[in-house]
Amino acid sequence: MRRIEREPIFLEKSERKFFQKNFRFLAGQWKKKMTS
């Protein structure tokens, strides 16, 4: 069961890329909300 704690550290490259894209998109959306 201890594996679960560690899993986020070992993201696959494709997963990491997807996460970064998603994060950038969300950050953009959030900035738009803050400026408008």
PDB file of N, CA and C in Angstrom:
ATOM      1  N   MET A   1       0.821  -1.211   0.000  1.00  0.00           N
ATOM      2  CA  MET A   1       0.000   0.000   0.000  1.00  0.00           C
ATOM      3  C   MET A   1       0.858   1.266   0.000  1.00  0.00           C
ATOM      4  N   ARG A   2       2.102   1.141   0.413  1.00  0.00           N
ATOM      5  CA  ARG A   2       2.952   2.335   0.459  1.00  0.00           C
ATOM      6  C   ARG A   2       3.273   2.831  -0.954  1.00  0.00           C
ATOM      7  N   ARG A   3       3.100   1.964  -1.951  1.00  0.00           N
ATOM      8  CA  ARG A   3       3.385   2.369  -3.331  1.00  0.00           C
ATOM      9  C   ARG A   3       2.598   3.601  -3.724  1.00  0.00           C
ATOM     10  N   ILE A   4       1.369   3.663  -3.264  1.00  0.00           N
ATOM     11  CA  ILE A   4       0.474   4.745  -3.695  1.00  0.00           C
ATOM     12  C   ILE A   4       1.053   6.112  -3.343  1.00  0.00           C
ATOM     13  N   GLU A   5       1.690   6.226  -2.198  1.00  0.00           N
ATOM     14  CA  GLU A   5       2.244   7.530  -1.801  1.00  0.00           C
ATOM     15  C   GLU A   5       3.288   8.005  -2.794  1.00  0.00           C
ATOM     16  N   ARG A   6       4.034   7.036  -3.351  1.00  0.00           N
ATOM     17  CA  ARG A   6       5.161   7.393  -4.200  1.00  0.00           C
ATOM     18  C   ARG A   6       4.762   7.627  -5.651  1.00  0.00           C
ATOM     19  N   GLU A   7       3.637   7.080  -6.068  1.00  0.00           N
ATOM     20  CA  GLU A   7       3.330   7.028  -7.490  1.00  0.00           C
ATOM     21  C   GLU A   7       3.440   8.375  -8.216  1.00  0.00           C
ATOM     22  N   PRO A   8       2.928   9.464  -7.669  1.00  0.00           N
ATOM     23  CA  PRO A   8       2.980  10.735  -8.406  1.00  0.00           C
ATOM     24  C   PRO A   8       4.392  11.142  -8.824  1.00  0.00           C
ATOM     25  N   ILE A   9       5.398  10.717  -8.081  1.00  0.00           N
ATOM     26  CA  ILE A   9       6.772  11.092  -8.421  1.00  0.00           C
ATOM     27  C   ILE A   9       7.203  10.422  -9.718  1.00  0.00           C
ATOM     28  N   PHE A  10       6.685   9.222  -9.952  1.00  0.00           N
ATOM     29  CA  PHE A  10       7.136   8.451 -11.111  1.00  0.00           C
ATOM     30  C   PHE A  10       6.151   8.550 -12.269  1.00  0.00           C
ATOM     31  N   LEU A  11       5.828   9.777 -12.644  1.00  0.00           N
ATOM     32  CA  LEU A  11       4.917   9.946 -13.777  1.00  0.00           C
ATOM     33  C   LEU A  11       5.634   9.569 -15.067  1.00  0.00           C
ATOM     34  N   GLU A  12       4.885   8.967 -15.966  1.00  0.00           N
ATOM     35  CA  GLU A  12       5.469   8.670 -17.270  1.00  0.00           C
ATOM     36  C   GLU A  12       5.635   9.964 -18.043  1.00  0.00           C
ATOM     37  N   LYS A  13       6.540   9.952 -19.010  1.00  0.00           N
ATOM     38  CA  LYS A  13       6.833  11.189 -19.736  1.00  0.00           C
ATOM     39  C   LYS A  13       5.591  11.744 -20.416  1.00  0.00           C
ATOM     40  N   SER A  14       4.825  10.867 -21.061  1.00  0.00           N
ATOM     41  CA  SER A  14       3.624  11.349 -21.753  1.00  0.00           C
ATOM     42  C   SER A  14       2.657  11.954 -20.751  1.00  0.00           C
ATOM     43  N   GLU A  15       2.532  11.297 -19.588  1.00  0.00           N
ATOM     44  CA  GLU A  15       1.624  11.803 -18.572  1.00  0.00           C
ATOM     45  C   GLU A  15       2.107  13.158 -18.079  1.00  0.00           C
ATOM     46  N   ARG A  16       3.411  13.282 -17.908  1.00  0.00           N
ATOM     47  CA  ARG A  16       3.970  14.535 -17.413  1.00  0.00           C
ATOM     48  C   ARG A  16       3.720  15.656 -18.412  1.00  0.00           C
ATOM     49  N   LYS A  17       3.931  15.353 -19.690  1.00  0.00           N
ATOM     50  CA  LYS A  17       3.699  16.362 -20.724  1.00  0.00           C
ATOM     51  C   LYS A  17       2.251  16.810 -20.684  1.00  0.00           C
ATOM     52  N   PHE A  18       1.336  15.827 -20.584  1.00  0.00           N
ATOM     53  CA  PHE A  18      -0.092  16.133 -20.547  1.00  0.00           C
ATOM     54  C   PHE A  18      -0.403  17.012 -19.352  1.00  0.00           C
ATOM     55  N   PHE A  19       0.205  16.692 -18.212  1.00  0.00           N
ATOM     56  CA  PHE A  19      -0.044  17.461 -16.999  1.00  0.00           C
ATOM     57  C   PHE A  19       0.445  18.894 -17.164  1.00  0.00           C
ATOM     58  N   GLN A  20       1.632  19.049 -17.752  1.00  0.00           N
ATOM     59  CA  GLN A  20       2.170  20.394 -17.941  1.00  0.00           C
ATOM     60  C   GLN A  20       1.275  21.212 -18.870  1.00  0.00           C
ATOM     61  N   LYS A  21       0.816  20.559 -19.946  1.00  0.00           N
ATOM     62  CA  LYS A  21      -0.079  21.251 -20.884  1.00  0.00           C
ATOM     63  C   LYS A  21      -1.334  21.691 -20.153  1.00  0.00           C
ATOM     64  N   ASN A  22      -1.909  20.759 -19.408  1.00  0.00           N
ATOM     65  CA  ASN A  22      -3.140  21.051 -18.672  1.00  0.00           C
ATOM     66  C   ASN A  22      -2.919  22.190 -17.697  1.00  0.00           C
ATOM     67  N   PHE A  23      -1.797  22.145 -16.993  1.00  0.00           N
ATOM     68  CA  PHE A  23      -1.515  23.162 -15.984  1.00  0.00           C
ATOM     69  C   PHE A  23      -1.381  24.527 -16.635  1.00  0.00           C
ATOM     70  N   ARG A  24      -0.671  24.562 -17.761  1.00  0.00           N
ATOM     71  CA  ARG A  24      -0.482  25.838 -18.458  1.00  0.00           C
ATOM     72  C   ARG A  24      -1.836  26.383 -18.910  1.00  0.00           C
ATOM     73  N   PHE A  25      -2.678  25.483 -19.411  1.00  0.00           N
ATOM     74  CA  PHE A  25      -4.002  25.893 -19.882  1.00  0.00           C
ATOM     75  C   PHE A  25      -4.817  26.454 -18.718  1.00  0.00           C
ATOM     76  N   LEU A  26      -4.797  25.747 -17.597  1.00  0.00           N
ATOM     77  CA  LEU A  26      -5.564  26.200 -16.431  1.00  0.00           C
ATOM     78  C   LEU A  26      -5.030  27.527 -15.928  1.00  0.00           C
ATOM     79  N   ALA A  27      -3.723  27.674 -15.927  1.00  0.00           N
ATOM     80  CA  ALA A  27      -3.127  28.937 -15.472  1.00  0.00           C
ATOM     81  C   ALA A  27      -3.581  30.068 -16.388  1.00  0.00           C
ATOM     82  N   GLY A  28      -3.632  29.802 -17.687  1.00  0.00           N
ATOM     83  CA  GLY A  28      -4.087  30.818 -18.638  1.00  0.00           C
ATOM     84  C   GLY A  28      -5.532  31.209 -18.358  1.00  0.00           C
ATOM     85  N   GLN A  29      -6.377  30.200 -18.128  1.00  0.00           N
ATOM     86  CA  GLN A  29      -7.785  30.462 -17.838  1.00  0.00           C
ATOM     87  C   GLN A  29      -7.910  31.304 -16.575  1.00  0.00           C
ATOM     88  N   TRP A  30      -7.119  30.949 -15.555  1.00  0.00           N
ATOM     89  CA  TRP A  30      -7.187  31.641 -14.271  1.00  0.00           C
ATOM     90  C   TRP A  30      -6.746  33.092 -14.427  1.00  0.00           C
ATOM     91  N   LYS A  31      -5.697  33.302 -15.207  1.00  0.00           N
ATOM     92  CA  LYS A  31      -5.211  34.674 -15.426  1.00  0.00           C
ATOM     93  C   LYS A  31      -6.277  35.501 -16.127  1.00  0.00           C
ATOM     94  N   LYS A  32      -6.922  34.884 -17.112  1.00  0.00           N
ATOM     95  CA  LYS A  32      -7.989  35.593 -17.832  1.00  0.00           C
ATOM     96  C   LYS A  32      -9.071  36.019 -16.851  1.00  0.00           C
ATOM     97  N   LYS A  33      -9.438  35.096 -15.964  1.00  0.00           N
ATOM     98  CA  LYS A  33     -10.490  35.405 -14.986  1.00  0.00           C
ATOM     99  C   LYS A  33     -10.067  36.559 -14.091  1.00  0.00           C
ATOM    100  N   MET A  34      -8.801  36.556 -13.665  1.00  0.00           N
ATOM    101  CA  MET A  34      -8.324  37.583 -12.741  1.00  0.00           C
ATOM    102  C   MET A  34      -8.259  38.949 -13.422  1.00  0.00           C
ATOM    103  N   THR A  35      -7.891  38.971 -14.706  1.00  0.00           N
ATOM    104  CA  THR A  35      -7.711  40.266 -15.374  1.00  0.00           C
ATOM    105  C   THR A  35      -9.046  40.864 -15.807  1.00  0.00           C
ATOM    106  N   SER A  36     -10.010  40.010 -16.148  1.00  0.00           N
ATOM    107  CA  SER A  36     -11.296  40.536 -16.635  1.00  0.00           C
ATOM    108  C   SER A  36     -12.151  41.069 -15.494  1.00  0.00           C
TER     109      SER A  36
END
